[in-house]
Amino acid sequence: MFKRFSINYMVLLFLIDSVMVQMGLAWAIHLRFIIPFGQEVRPEYIPHWMYVPNLSMYISVGLLWAALFLFFSCYTPRRIIFWIDEFQRIVMAHTVAALSLAGLLYLANIPLLRLIFVYFYTLTLVMLLGYRIVLRVWHRLQSNGNTSIARILVVGAGPIGQEIVSEFKRQQWPGIEFVGFVDTA
């Protein structure tokens, strides 16, 4: 089981993000022929009218997204504690990566269809945010009461230590359990 924000969990997020980006690119190409927007492009005209992404394109996209997601700290646990921070980082990194890809395609003179690019951006963003929402909900449902209890060992069994414990018990603070006292006497 992965603990949230552990190294293994962050590596898992990195791998899932990489797979989602690659799937988004492949599905965007297929969606261009399924969704009836824009000029009709028949599959038999593909080699003549448009660029068909090959292995180098998928590697470039994977490296670009990985580098920018790392640059924008999408895998730094202390920066993605709250869902709004995590989603802002993902949207920002994904947008910068998509704009960088557009620049790379322009400089390399690769004629990728604009609707494929729009489908890729939208579909990948929805997939990246969607699975992170599912993970956050799953972690919230999996949390049990024992992980949120702070067990406190009071140093000093004298009157001050006893007074502190009685005051906490009187206030009935949730999530605090006194284990005992440590004293030299």
Protein backbone atom coordinates (compact mmCIF):
# COMPACT_ATOMS: atom_id res chain seq x y z
CA MET A 1 0.00 0.00 0.00
CA PHE A 2 1.31 3.43 -0.91
CA LYS A 3 1.34 6.08 1.76
CA ARG A 4 0.25 9.40 0.45
CA PHE A 5 3.18 11.71 -0.34
CA SER A 6 5.80 8.96 0.03
CA ILE A 7 8.59 8.58 -2.53
CA ASN A 8 6.92 5.48 -3.99
CA TYR A 9 3.63 7.36 -4.32
CA MET A 10 5.33 10.24 -6.16
CA VAL A 11 7.07 7.78 -8.52
CA LEU A 12 3.68 6.16 -9.16
CA LEU A 13 2.18 9.59 -9.98
CA PHE A 14 5.08 10.27 -12.36
CA LEU A 15 4.58 6.97 -14.18
CA ILE A 16 0.80 7.38 -14.41
CA ASP A 17 1.23 10.95 -15.70
CA SER A 18 3.65 9.71 -18.37
CA VAL A 19 1.22 7.01 -19.49
CA MET A 20 -1.73 9.45 -19.49
CA VAL A 21 0.14 11.93 -21.70
CA GLN A 22 1.05 9.22 -24.21
CA MET A 23 -2.51 7.87 -24.21
CA GLY A 24 -3.87 11.39 -24.66
CA LEU A 25 -1.76 11.91 -27.77
CA ALA A 26 -2.77 8.57 -29.29
CA TRP A 27 -6.46 9.09 -28.50
CA ALA A 28 -6.43 12.66 -29.84
CA ILE A 29 -5.32 11.36 -33.23
CA HIS A 30 -8.16 8.84 -33.27
CA LEU A 31 -10.70 11.43 -32.06
CA ARG A 32 -9.83 13.65 -35.03
CA PHE A 33 -11.43 11.07 -37.32
CA ILE A 34 -14.40 10.31 -35.04
CA ILE A 35 -15.62 13.77 -33.96
CA PRO A 36 -17.12 15.62 -36.94
CA PHE A 37 -15.54 19.08 -36.45
CA GLY A 38 -13.43 20.90 -38.98
CA GLN A 39 -12.50 19.78 -42.46
CA GLU A 40 -13.15 16.12 -43.20
CA VAL A 41 -9.96 14.08 -43.12
CA ARG A 42 -10.24 10.57 -44.44
CA PRO A 43 -7.80 7.96 -43.18
CA GLU A 44 -6.61 7.13 -46.70
CA TYR A 45 -5.34 10.72 -47.14
CA ILE A 46 -3.34 10.75 -43.92
CA PRO A 47 0.15 10.24 -45.40
CA HIS A 48 -0.42 13.07 -47.91
CA TRP A 49 -2.11 15.73 -45.77
CA MET A 50 -0.84 15.39 -42.26
CA TYR A 51 2.00 14.28 -40.07
CA VAL A 52 1.57 10.86 -38.49
CA PRO A 53 3.31 10.86 -35.09
CA ASN A 54 6.08 8.31 -34.88
CA LEU A 55 8.22 7.04 -32.01
CA SER A 56 10.39 10.17 -31.92
CA MET A 57 7.27 12.33 -31.46
CA TYR A 58 6.07 10.21 -28.54
CA ILE A 59 9.53 10.31 -26.94
CA SER A 60 9.72 14.10 -27.38
CA VAL A 61 6.28 14.59 -25.85
CA GLY A 62 7.12 12.29 -22.94
CA LEU A 63 10.41 14.04 -22.18
CA LEU A 64 8.88 17.50 -22.52
CA TRP A 65 6.00 16.71 -20.16
CA ALA A 66 8.25 14.94 -17.65
CA ALA A 67 10.73 17.82 -17.56
CA LEU A 68 8.08 20.49 -17.15
CA PHE A 69 6.08 18.55 -14.55
CA LEU A 70 9.30 18.19 -12.54
CA PHE A 71 10.15 21.87 -13.08
CA PHE A 72 6.73 22.98 -11.82
CA SER A 73 7.08 20.74 -8.72
CA CYS A 74 4.08 18.54 -9.50
CA TYR A 75 5.78 15.73 -7.55
CA THR A 76 7.04 17.68 -4.53
CA PRO A 77 4.92 16.51 -1.57
CA ARG A 78 5.06 19.75 0.41
CA ARG A 79 3.83 21.73 -2.59
CA ILE A 80 0.82 19.58 -3.45
CA ILE A 81 -0.73 19.00 -0.03
CA PHE A 82 -3.90 20.89 -0.88
CA TRP A 83 -5.92 19.92 -3.94
CA ILE A 84 -6.07 23.47 -5.30
CA ASP A 85 -2.26 23.75 -5.23
CA GLU A 86 -1.86 20.41 -6.96
CA PHE A 87 -4.40 21.25 -9.67
CA GLN A 88 -2.88 24.69 -10.28
CA ARG A 89 0.55 23.14 -10.74
CA ILE A 90 -0.79 20.47 -13.09
CA VAL A 91 -2.74 22.98 -15.21
CA MET A 92 0.24 25.35 -15.37
CA ALA A 93 2.77 22.61 -16.22
CA HIS A 94 0.44 21.05 -18.79
CA THR A 95 -0.27 24.41 -20.45
CA VAL A 96 3.41 25.37 -20.64
CA ALA A 97 4.27 21.91 -21.98
CA ALA A 98 1.53 22.17 -24.63
CA LEU A 99 2.73 25.61 -25.70
CA SER A 100 6.30 24.31 -25.80
CA LEU A 101 5.14 21.42 -27.96
CA ALA A 102 3.42 23.86 -30.32
CA GLY A 103 6.67 25.81 -30.61
CA LEU A 104 8.66 22.63 -31.15
CA LEU A 105 6.27 21.48 -33.88
CA TYR A 106 6.49 24.90 -35.55
CA LEU A 107 10.28 25.01 -35.46
CA ALA A 108 10.56 21.45 -36.75
CA ASN A 109 8.02 22.29 -39.49
CA ILE A 110 5.77 19.39 -38.50
CA PRO A 111 2.19 19.95 -39.75
CA LEU A 112 0.15 18.40 -36.92
CA LEU A 113 -3.54 19.21 -37.35
CA ARG A 114 -4.79 21.92 -34.99
CA LEU A 115 -7.82 19.93 -33.87
CA ILE A 116 -5.55 17.04 -32.88
CA PHE A 117 -3.59 19.51 -30.76
CA VAL A 118 -6.77 20.89 -29.13
CA TYR A 119 -8.10 17.38 -28.49
CA PHE A 120 -4.74 16.35 -27.06
CA TYR A 121 -4.58 19.33 -24.70
CA THR A 122 -8.16 18.95 -23.47
CA LEU A 123 -8.25 15.18 -23.21
CA THR A 124 -4.90 14.92 -21.44
CA LEU A 125 -5.77 17.67 -18.96
CA VAL A 126 -9.08 15.98 -18.12
CA MET A 127 -7.33 12.62 -17.66
CA LEU A 128 -4.54 14.06 -15.49
CA LEU A 129 -6.92 15.95 -13.22
CA GLY A 130 -9.49 13.14 -13.22
CA TYR A 131 -7.23 10.42 -11.94
CA ARG A 132 -5.76 12.74 -9.30
CA ILE A 133 -9.29 13.49 -8.08
CA VAL A 134 -9.99 9.76 -7.91
CA LEU A 135 -6.77 9.21 -5.92
CA ARG A 136 -7.61 12.00 -3.47
CA VAL A 137 -11.13 10.64 -2.91
CA TRP A 138 -9.75 7.13 -2.49
CA HIS A 139 -7.20 8.30 0.09
CA ARG A 140 -9.88 10.18 1.97
CA LEU A 141 -12.12 7.10 2.08
CA GLN A 142 -9.22 4.84 3.09
CA SER A 143 -8.13 6.94 6.04
CA ASN A 144 -8.93 5.31 9.33
CA GLY A 145 -9.20 7.00 12.70
CA ASN A 146 -5.94 5.60 14.08
CA THR A 147 -3.70 7.61 11.77
CA SER A 148 -5.03 10.95 12.96
CA ILE A 149 -4.49 10.36 16.69
CA ALA A 150 -1.50 12.10 18.27
CA ARG A 151 -0.10 9.97 21.08
CA ILE A 152 1.57 12.20 23.66
CA LEU A 153 4.10 11.22 26.30
CA VAL A 154 4.32 13.93 28.98
CA VAL A 155 7.78 14.67 30.36
CA GLY A 156 7.45 15.24 34.10
CA ALA A 157 4.94 13.49 36.33
CA GLY A 158 4.77 16.33 38.83
CA PRO A 159 1.92 18.76 39.40
CA ILE A 160 2.61 20.71 36.21
CA GLY A 161 2.46 17.57 34.03
CA GLN A 162 -0.72 16.43 35.79
CA GLU A 163 -2.27 19.86 35.29
CA ILE A 164 -1.46 19.85 31.57
CA VAL A 165 -3.05 16.43 31.10
CA SER A 166 -6.15 17.35 33.09
CA GLU A 167 -6.55 20.59 31.10
CA PHE A 168 -6.36 18.72 27.78
CA LYS A 169 -8.86 16.14 29.02
CA ARG A 170 -11.18 18.89 30.25
CA GLN A 171 -11.06 20.59 26.81
CA GLN A 172 -11.75 17.22 25.11
CA TRP A 173 -9.49 17.86 22.15
CA PRO A 174 -10.09 15.35 19.36
CA GLY A 175 -7.17 13.32 18.10
CA ILE A 176 -5.06 13.51 21.27
CA GLU A 177 -4.30 10.49 23.40
CA PHE A 178 -2.02 10.66 26.43
CA VAL A 179 0.19 7.59 26.68
CA GLY A 180 1.79 8.30 30.03
CA PHE A 181 4.46 10.21 31.91
CA VAL A 182 8.26 10.13 31.96
CA ASP A 183 9.97 11.28 35.14
CA THR A 184 13.37 10.93 36.79
CA ALA A 185 11.97 10.34 40.26
